[in-house]
Amino acid sequence: MRELFNSIAERYDLTNRLISLGLDRLWRRRACEEVLKFIEKDDLKILDVACGTGDMTLCMRRRLEKREIRAEFHGLDCSEEMLRIARRKIPFAELRTGKAENMPYESESFDIVGVAFGLRNFSDRKKAINELYRVLKPGGKLVILEFSKNPSLLGRLAWFYTRTVVPLIGGIMTGNREAYEHLVNSIDAFPSPEELSKEFERRGFKLRSLFWLFPRIAFVMVLERH
């Protein structure tokens, strides 16, 4: 997985804009706004897991600045090339190389943890969920932004576009069609948001919010650590 993301890092952001028709920015903004509905304190400590090139961290910082809320930002990713780009975009964040299944942070360290389009790529989701629980403070919030298939008409149309057009555009833009075929296959194998929420609840999380984003290929989930 690390090699796959290293190979597409340089054109990753531009490719995301194209294949999502610019919606990826809206999806991140909605995810950040949703988790902040449940935050009532200042001086937050925030971790972006599978942070990639730093778009989710950048979005969160902008949302917090509008609310005049101070925060300390951290990011974790397995891809050195993704982090190289992230260091240019989000120099204010402390970035580290690592995996979600074994995070290099002390227990109960963060007020908010975010995972945007990374959960599908974890090699051991159960272990990663345990780690997400461990690094959050009691009462801390976890926001998940992810892809899944939706049975509605709009969802089926979005899935058709994803499995037919996305690998084509991704392959042309990055020279690595395999990476975007992996994207399609990982969505196809991923559980529904409802099934996923039960995995988190079994670990001790409480579901606070769950909804689909237009055009019903992505969803936002906010959970709270007991």
C-alpha atoms as a PDB file:
ATOM      1  CA  MET A   1       0.000   0.000   0.000  1.00  0.00           C
ATOM      2  CA  ARG A   2       2.844   2.388   0.828  1.00  0.00           C
ATOM      3  CA  GLU A   3       4.413   1.854  -2.609  1.00  0.00           C
ATOM      4  CA  LEU A   4       1.059   2.361  -4.322  1.00  0.00           C
ATOM      5  CA  PHE A   5       0.498   5.758  -2.725  1.00  0.00           C
ATOM      6  CA  ASN A   6       4.133   6.787  -3.187  1.00  0.00           C
ATOM      7  CA  SER A   7       3.715   6.179  -6.923  1.00  0.00           C
ATOM      8  CA  ILE A   8       0.725   8.527  -7.338  1.00  0.00           C
ATOM      9  CA  ALA A   9       1.564  11.190  -4.741  1.00  0.00           C
ATOM     10  CA  GLU A  10       2.804  13.894  -7.129  1.00  0.00           C
ATOM     11  CA  ARG A  11      -0.488  14.115  -9.066  1.00  0.00           C
ATOM     12  CA  TYR A  12      -2.781  12.849  -6.307  1.00  0.00           C
ATOM     13  CA  ASP A  13      -4.478  16.156  -5.477  1.00  0.00           C
ATOM     14  CA  LEU A  14      -5.142  17.160  -9.085  1.00  0.00           C
ATOM     15  CA  THR A  15      -6.444  13.687  -9.910  1.00  0.00           C
ATOM     16  CA  ASN A  16      -8.821  13.811  -6.921  1.00  0.00           C
ATOM     17  CA  ARG A  17     -10.234  17.136  -8.128  1.00  0.00           C
ATOM     18  CA  LEU A  18     -10.861  15.690 -11.579  1.00  0.00           C
ATOM     19  CA  ILE A  19     -12.339  12.302 -10.715  1.00  0.00           C
ATOM     20  CA  SER A  20     -14.604  13.735  -7.996  1.00  0.00           C
ATOM     21  CA  LEU A  21     -15.619  16.703 -10.203  1.00  0.00           C
ATOM     22  CA  GLY A  22     -14.409  18.925  -7.367  1.00  0.00           C
ATOM     23  CA  LEU A  23     -16.749  17.362  -4.811  1.00  0.00           C
ATOM     24  CA  ASP A  24     -13.941  16.034  -2.609  1.00  0.00           C
ATOM     25  CA  ARG A  25     -13.416  19.537  -1.210  1.00  0.00           C
ATOM     26  CA  LEU A  26     -17.094  19.843  -0.349  1.00  0.00           C
ATOM     27  CA  TRP A  27     -17.071  16.404   1.287  1.00  0.00           C
ATOM     28  CA  ARG A  28     -14.127  17.324   3.513  1.00  0.00           C
ATOM     29  CA  ARG A  29     -15.733  20.616   4.478  1.00  0.00           C
ATOM     30  CA  ARG A  30     -18.983  18.890   5.452  1.00  0.00           C
ATOM     31  CA  ALA A  31     -17.079  16.316   7.517  1.00  0.00           C
ATOM     32  CA  CYS A  32     -15.155  19.018   9.383  1.00  0.00           C
ATOM     33  CA  GLU A  33     -18.271  21.086  10.011  1.00  0.00           C
ATOM     34  CA  GLU A  34     -20.146  18.034  11.280  1.00  0.00           C
ATOM     35  CA  VAL A  35     -17.602  16.978  13.892  1.00  0.00           C
ATOM     36  CA  LEU A  36     -17.219  20.563  15.106  1.00  0.00           C
ATOM     37  CA  LYS A  37     -20.926  20.611  15.988  1.00  0.00           C
ATOM     38  CA  PHE A  38     -20.015  18.368  18.906  1.00  0.00           C
ATOM     39  CA  ILE A  39     -17.015  20.411  20.115  1.00  0.00           C
ATOM     40  CA  GLU A  40     -17.452  23.004  22.860  1.00  0.00           C
ATOM     41  CA  LYS A  41     -13.867  23.628  23.992  1.00  0.00           C
ATOM     42  CA  ASP A  42     -10.779  25.509  22.844  1.00  0.00           C
ATOM     43  CA  ASP A  43      -7.117  24.468  22.549  1.00  0.00           C
ATOM     44  CA  LEU A  44      -7.854  21.257  20.699  1.00  0.00           C
ATOM     45  CA  LYS A  45      -5.349  18.555  19.849  1.00  0.00           C
ATOM     46  CA  ILE A  46      -6.236  17.016  16.479  1.00  0.00           C
ATOM     47  CA  LEU A  47      -4.887  13.985  14.623  1.00  0.00           C
ATOM     48  CA  ASP A  48      -5.432  13.263  10.922  1.00  0.00           C
ATOM     49  CA  VAL A  49      -4.857   9.535  10.317  1.00  0.00           C
ATOM     50  CA  ALA A  50      -3.948   8.478   6.757  1.00  0.00           C
ATOM     51  CA  CYS A  51      -3.510  12.204   6.207  1.00  0.00           C
ATOM     52  CA  GLY A  52      -2.101  11.887   2.688  1.00  0.00           C
ATOM     53  CA  THR A  53      -1.128  15.284   1.309  1.00  0.00           C
ATOM     54  CA  GLY A  54      -2.858  17.116   4.155  1.00  0.00           C
ATOM     55  CA  ASP A  55      -6.157  18.265   2.632  1.00  0.00           C
ATOM     56  CA  MET A  56      -8.281  17.203   5.616  1.00  0.00           C
ATOM     57  CA  THR A  57      -5.957  18.943   8.083  1.00  0.00           C
ATOM     58  CA  LEU A  58      -5.964  22.098   5.984  1.00  0.00           C
ATOM     59  CA  CYS A  59      -9.767  22.040   5.805  1.00  0.00           C
ATOM     60  CA  MET A  60     -10.079  21.567   9.577  1.00  0.00           C
ATOM     61  CA  ARG A  61      -7.717  24.434  10.286  1.00  0.00           C
ATOM     62  CA  ARG A  62      -9.729  26.789   8.085  1.00  0.00           C
ATOM     63  CA  ARG A  63     -12.982  25.817   9.782  1.00  0.00           C
ATOM     64  CA  LEU A  64     -11.455  26.359  13.228  1.00  0.00           C
ATOM     65  CA  GLU A  65      -9.975  29.725  12.287  1.00  0.00           C
ATOM     66  CA  LYS A  66     -13.449  30.924  11.330  1.00  0.00           C
ATOM     67  CA  ARG A  67     -14.634  29.977  14.817  1.00  0.00           C
ATOM     68  CA  GLU A  68     -11.483  31.446  16.428  1.00  0.00           C
ATOM     69  CA  ILE A  69     -10.708  28.080  18.026  1.00  0.00           C
ATOM     70  CA  ARG A  70      -7.067  27.262  18.664  1.00  0.00           C
ATOM     71  CA  ALA A  71      -5.709  23.815  17.827  1.00  0.00           C
ATOM     72  CA  GLU A  72      -2.547  21.764  17.568  1.00  0.00           C
ATOM     73  CA  PHE A  73      -2.408  19.555  14.469  1.00  0.00           C
ATOM     74  CA  HIS A  74      -0.799  16.163  13.902  1.00  0.00           C
ATOM     75  CA  GLY A  75      -0.812  13.894  10.860  1.00  0.00           C
ATOM     76  CA  LEU A  76       0.089  10.255  10.266  1.00  0.00           C
ATOM     77  CA  ASP A  77       0.547   8.419   6.967  1.00  0.00           C
ATOM     78  CA  CYS A  78       2.383   5.356   5.678  1.00  0.00           C
ATOM     79  CA  SER A  79       3.524   7.093   2.453  1.00  0.00           C
ATOM     80  CA  GLU A  80       6.697   9.148   2.626  1.00  0.00           C
ATOM     81  CA  GLU A  81       5.913  10.800  -0.719  1.00  0.00           C
ATOM     82  CA  MET A  82       2.457  11.883   0.445  1.00  0.00           C
ATOM     83  CA  LEU A  83       4.000  13.369   3.581  1.00  0.00           C
ATOM     84  CA  ARG A  84       6.668  15.166   1.544  1.00  0.00           C
ATOM     85  CA  ILE A  85       3.886  17.054  -0.241  1.00  0.00           C
ATOM     86  CA  ALA A  86       1.937  17.529   2.985  1.00  0.00           C
ATOM     87  CA  ARG A  87       4.913  19.226   4.634  1.00  0.00           C
ATOM     88  CA  ARG A  88       4.740  21.932   1.976  1.00  0.00           C
ATOM     89  CA  LYS A  89       0.968  22.392   2.315  1.00  0.00           C
ATOM     90  CA  ILE A  90       0.567  22.167   6.085  1.00  0.00           C
ATOM     91  CA  PRO A  91       3.890  23.241   7.672  1.00  0.00           C
ATOM     92  CA  PHE A  92       2.019  24.044  10.885  1.00  0.00           C
ATOM     93  CA  ALA A  93       1.287  20.337  11.533  1.00  0.00           C
ATOM     94  CA  GLU A  94       3.557  17.735  13.114  1.00  0.00           C
ATOM     95  CA  LEU A  95       3.671  14.878  10.593  1.00  0.00           C
ATOM     96  CA  ARG A  96       4.911  11.354  11.182  1.00  0.00           C
ATOM     97  CA  THR A  97       5.281   8.205   9.113  1.00  0.00           C
ATOM     98  CA  GLY A  98       3.321   5.260  10.491  1.00  0.00           C
ATOM     99  CA  LYS A  99       0.325   2.969  10.256  1.00  0.00           C
ATOM    100  CA  ALA A 100      -3.089   3.230  11.876  1.00  0.00           C
ATOM    101  CA  GLU A 101      -2.728  -0.282  13.309  1.00  0.00           C
ATOM    102  CA  ASN A 102       0.213   0.797  15.478  1.00  0.00           C
ATOM    103  CA  MET A 103       0.170   4.545  16.037  1.00  0.00           C
ATOM    104  CA  PRO A 104       3.188   6.256  17.635  1.00  0.00           C
ATOM    105  CA  TYR A 105       1.136   8.321  20.103  1.00  0.00           C
ATOM    106  CA  GLU A 106       0.370   8.068  23.780  1.00  0.00           C
ATOM    107  CA  SER A 107      -3.055   6.891  24.892  1.00  0.00           C
ATOM    108  CA  GLU A 108      -5.799   9.496  25.385  1.00  0.00           C
ATOM    109  CA  SER A 109      -3.864  12.210  23.520  1.00  0.00           C
ATOM    110  CA  PHE A 110      -6.378  13.752  21.098  1.00  0.00           C
ATOM    111  CA  ASP A 111      -9.683  15.637  21.236  1.00  0.00           C
ATOM    112  CA  ILE A 112     -10.496  14.924  17.569  1.00  0.00           C
ATOM    113  CA  VAL A 113      -9.222  12.198  15.266  1.00  0.00           C
ATOM    114  CA  GLY A 114     -10.140  12.215  11.581  1.00  0.00           C
ATOM    115  CA  VAL A 115      -9.815   9.562   8.879  1.00  0.00           C
ATOM    116  CA  ALA A 116     -10.666  10.733   5.370  1.00  0.00           C
ATOM    117  CA  PHE A 117     -10.763   8.058   2.663  1.00  0.00           C
ATOM    118  CA  GLY A 118      -8.247   5.928   4.543  1.00  0.00           C
ATOM    119  CA  LEU A 119     -10.240   3.378   6.502  1.00  0.00           C
ATOM    120  CA  ARG A 120     -10.680   1.107   3.459  1.00  0.00           C
ATOM    121  CA  ASN A 121      -6.912   0.808   3.143  1.00  0.00           C
ATOM    122  CA  PHE A 122      -6.121  -0.372   6.658  1.00  0.00           C
ATOM    123  CA  SER A 123      -4.746  -3.902   6.588  1.00  0.00           C
ATOM    124  CA  ASP A 124      -6.367  -4.802   9.923  1.00  0.00           C
ATOM    125  CA  ARG A 125      -9.481  -2.683  10.520  1.00  0.00           C
ATOM    126  CA  LYS A 126     -10.232  -4.163  13.948  1.00  0.00           C
ATOM    127  CA  LYS A 127      -6.741  -3.346  15.185  1.00  0.00           C
ATOM    128  CA  ALA A 128      -6.952   0.152  13.679  1.00  0.00           C
ATOM    129  CA  ILE A 129     -10.288   0.774  15.419  1.00  0.00           C
ATOM    130  CA  ASN A 130      -8.698  -0.261  18.715  1.00  0.00           C
ATOM    131  CA  GLU A 131      -5.883   2.215  18.094  1.00  0.00           C
ATOM    132  CA  LEU A 132      -8.293   5.015  17.181  1.00  0.00           C
ATOM    133  CA  TYR A 133     -10.097   4.392  20.454  1.00  0.00           C
ATOM    134  CA  ARG A 134      -6.827   4.290  22.404  1.00  0.00           C
ATOM    135  CA  VAL A 135      -5.410   7.627  21.212  1.00  0.00           C
ATOM    136  CA  LEU A 136      -8.671   9.556  21.720  1.00  0.00           C
ATOM    137  CA  LYS A 137      -9.409  11.222  25.034  1.00  0.00           C
ATOM    138  CA  PRO A 138     -12.570  10.077  26.842  1.00  0.00           C
ATOM    139  CA  GLY A 139     -15.352  12.048  25.207  1.00  0.00           C
ATOM    140  CA  GLY A 140     -13.138  12.683  22.172  1.00  0.00           C
ATOM    141  CA  LYS A 141     -14.658  12.652  18.699  1.00  0.00           C
ATOM    142  CA  LEU A 142     -13.766  10.513  15.694  1.00  0.00           C
ATOM    143  CA  VAL A 143     -14.868  11.685  12.251  1.00  0.00           C
ATOM    144  CA  ILE A 144     -14.843   9.236   9.353  1.00  0.00           C
ATOM    145  CA  LEU A 145     -15.188  10.356   5.726  1.00  0.00           C
ATOM    146  CA  GLU A 146     -15.357   7.365   3.443  1.00  0.00           C
ATOM    147  CA  PHE A 147     -16.726   5.789   0.276  1.00  0.00           C
ATOM    148  CA  SER A 148     -19.317   3.012   0.129  1.00  0.00           C
ATOM    149  CA  LYS A 149     -21.995   1.769  -2.230  1.00  0.00           C
ATOM    150  CA  ASN A 150     -25.507   3.136  -1.773  1.00  0.00           C
ATOM    151  CA  PRO A 151     -28.544   1.206  -3.128  1.00  0.00           C
ATOM    152  CA  SER A 152     -30.461   4.327  -4.194  1.00  0.00           C
ATOM    153  CA  LEU A 153     -30.748   5.277  -7.869  1.00  0.00           C
ATOM    154  CA  LEU A 154     -28.335   8.173  -7.394  1.00  0.00           C
ATOM    155  CA  GLY A 155     -25.972   5.890  -5.514  1.00  0.00           C
ATOM    156  CA  ARG A 156     -26.046   3.293  -8.283  1.00  0.00           C
ATOM    157  CA  LEU A 157     -25.294   5.963 -10.883  1.00  0.00           C
ATOM    158  CA  ALA A 158     -22.390   7.243  -8.777  1.00  0.00           C
ATOM    159  CA  TRP A 159     -21.064   3.693  -8.428  1.00  0.00           C
ATOM    160  CA  PHE A 160     -21.288   3.143 -12.204  1.00  0.00           C
ATOM    161  CA  TYR A 161     -19.232   6.314 -12.753  1.00  0.00           C
ATOM    162  CA  THR A 162     -16.738   5.257 -10.087  1.00  0.00           C
ATOM    163  CA  ARG A 163     -16.071   1.785 -11.441  1.00  0.00           C
ATOM    164  CA  THR A 164     -15.967   2.757 -15.123  1.00  0.00           C
ATOM    165  CA  VAL A 165     -14.618   6.312 -15.387  1.00  0.00           C
ATOM    166  CA  VAL A 166     -12.421   6.706 -12.289  1.00  0.00           C
ATOM    167  CA  PRO A 167      -9.796   4.044 -13.200  1.00  0.00           C
ATOM    168  CA  LEU A 168      -9.573   5.487 -16.701  1.00  0.00           C
ATOM    169  CA  ILE A 169      -8.979   9.078 -15.572  1.00  0.00           C
ATOM    170  CA  GLY A 170      -6.770   8.031 -12.665  1.00  0.00           C
ATOM    171  CA  GLY A 171      -4.623   5.904 -14.948  1.00  0.00           C
ATOM    172  CA  ILE A 172      -4.199   8.698 -17.488  1.00  0.00           C
ATOM    173  CA  MET A 173      -3.376  11.316 -14.846  1.00  0.00           C
ATOM    174  CA  THR A 174      -0.922   9.277 -12.747  1.00  0.00           C
ATOM    175  CA  GLY A 175       0.244   6.530 -15.082  1.00  0.00           C
ATOM    176  CA  ASN A 176      -0.922   3.995 -12.493  1.00  0.00           C
ATOM    177  CA  ARG A 177      -4.345   2.619 -13.374  1.00  0.00           C
ATOM    178  CA  GLU A 178      -3.830  -0.171 -10.826  1.00  0.00           C
ATOM    179  CA  ALA A 179      -4.035   2.345  -7.986  1.00  0.00           C
ATOM    180  CA  TYR A 180      -7.479   3.498  -9.085  1.00  0.00           C
ATOM    181  CA  GLU A 181      -8.671  -0.031  -9.777  1.00  0.00           C
ATOM    182  CA  HIS A 182      -7.707  -0.674  -6.161  1.00  0.00           C
ATOM    183  CA  LEU A 183      -9.915   2.279  -5.189  1.00  0.00           C
ATOM    184  CA  VAL A 184     -12.885   0.689  -6.963  1.00  0.00           C
ATOM    185  CA  ASN A 185     -12.226  -2.770  -5.516  1.00  0.00           C
ATOM    186  CA  SER A 186     -11.828  -1.426  -1.988  1.00  0.00           C
ATOM    187  CA  ILE A 187     -15.176   0.407  -2.204  1.00  0.00           C
ATOM    188  CA  ASP A 188     -16.844  -2.715  -3.586  1.00  0.00           C
ATOM    189  CA  ALA A 189     -15.593  -4.775  -0.621  1.00  0.00           C
ATOM    190  CA  PHE A 190     -16.266  -2.127   2.050  1.00  0.00           C
ATOM    191  CA  PRO A 191     -19.178  -2.540   4.491  1.00  0.00           C
ATOM    192  CA  SER A 192     -22.162  -0.212   4.550  1.00  0.00           C
ATOM    193  CA  PRO A 193     -21.975   2.749   6.960  1.00  0.00           C
ATOM    194  CA  GLU A 194     -24.522   1.023   9.209  1.00  0.00           C
ATOM    195  CA  GLU A 195     -22.440  -2.151   9.375  1.00  0.00           C
ATOM    196  CA  LEU A 196     -19.281  -0.128   9.942  1.00  0.00           C
ATOM    197  CA  SER A 197     -20.822   1.843  12.803  1.00  0.00           C
ATOM    198  CA  LYS A 198     -21.545  -1.440  14.598  1.00  0.00           C
ATOM    199  CA  GLU A 199     -17.844  -2.341  14.417  1.00  0.00           C
ATOM    200  CA  PHE A 200     -17.006   0.904  16.194  1.00  0.00           C
ATOM    201  CA  GLU A 201     -19.806   0.523  18.727  1.00  0.00           C
ATOM    202  CA  ARG A 202     -18.542  -2.939  19.685  1.00  0.00           C
ATOM    203  CA  ARG A 203     -15.242  -1.294  20.637  1.00  0.00           C
ATOM    204  CA  GLY A 204     -16.978   1.262  22.847  1.00  0.00           C
ATOM    205  CA  PHE A 205     -17.678   4.172  20.536  1.00  0.00           C
ATOM    206  CA  LYS A 206     -21.049   5.918  20.512  1.00  0.00           C
ATOM    207  CA  LEU A 207     -22.488   6.956  17.129  1.00  0.00           C
ATOM    208  CA  ARG A 208     -23.336  10.663  17.124  1.00  0.00           C
ATOM    209  CA  SER A 209     -24.010  11.364  13.441  1.00  0.00           C
ATOM    210  CA  LEU A 210     -24.203   9.500  10.127  1.00  0.00           C
ATOM    211  CA  PHE A 211     -25.300  10.753   6.713  1.00  0.00           C
ATOM    212  CA  TRP A 212     -24.628  10.362   3.007  1.00  0.00           C
ATOM    213  CA  LEU A 213     -23.093  13.081   0.860  1.00  0.00           C
ATOM    214  CA  PHE A 214     -24.088  13.958  -2.704  1.00  0.00           C
ATOM    215  CA  PRO A 215     -24.078  11.928  -4.935  1.00  0.00           C
ATOM    216  CA  ARG A 216     -24.349   9.090  -2.386  1.00  0.00           C
ATOM    217  CA  ILE A 217     -20.955   7.525  -2.922  1.00  0.00           C
ATOM    218  CA  ALA A 218     -19.397   9.109   0.184  1.00  0.00           C
ATOM    219  CA  PHE A 219     -20.613   9.364   3.776  1.00  0.00           C
ATOM    220  CA  VAL A 220     -19.694  11.098   7.040  1.00  0.00           C
ATOM    221  CA  MET A 221     -19.770   9.399  10.418  1.00  0.00           C
ATOM    222  CA  VAL A 222     -19.024  11.029  13.778  1.00  0.00           C
ATOM    223  CA  LEU A 223     -18.405   8.828  16.811  1.00  0.00           C
ATOM    224  CA  GLU A 224     -17.572   9.557  20.431  1.00  0.00           C
ATOM    225  CA  ARG A 225     -15.252   7.631  22.675  1.00  0.00           C
ATOM    226  CA  HIS A 226     -16.837   6.641  26.004  1.00  0.00           C
END
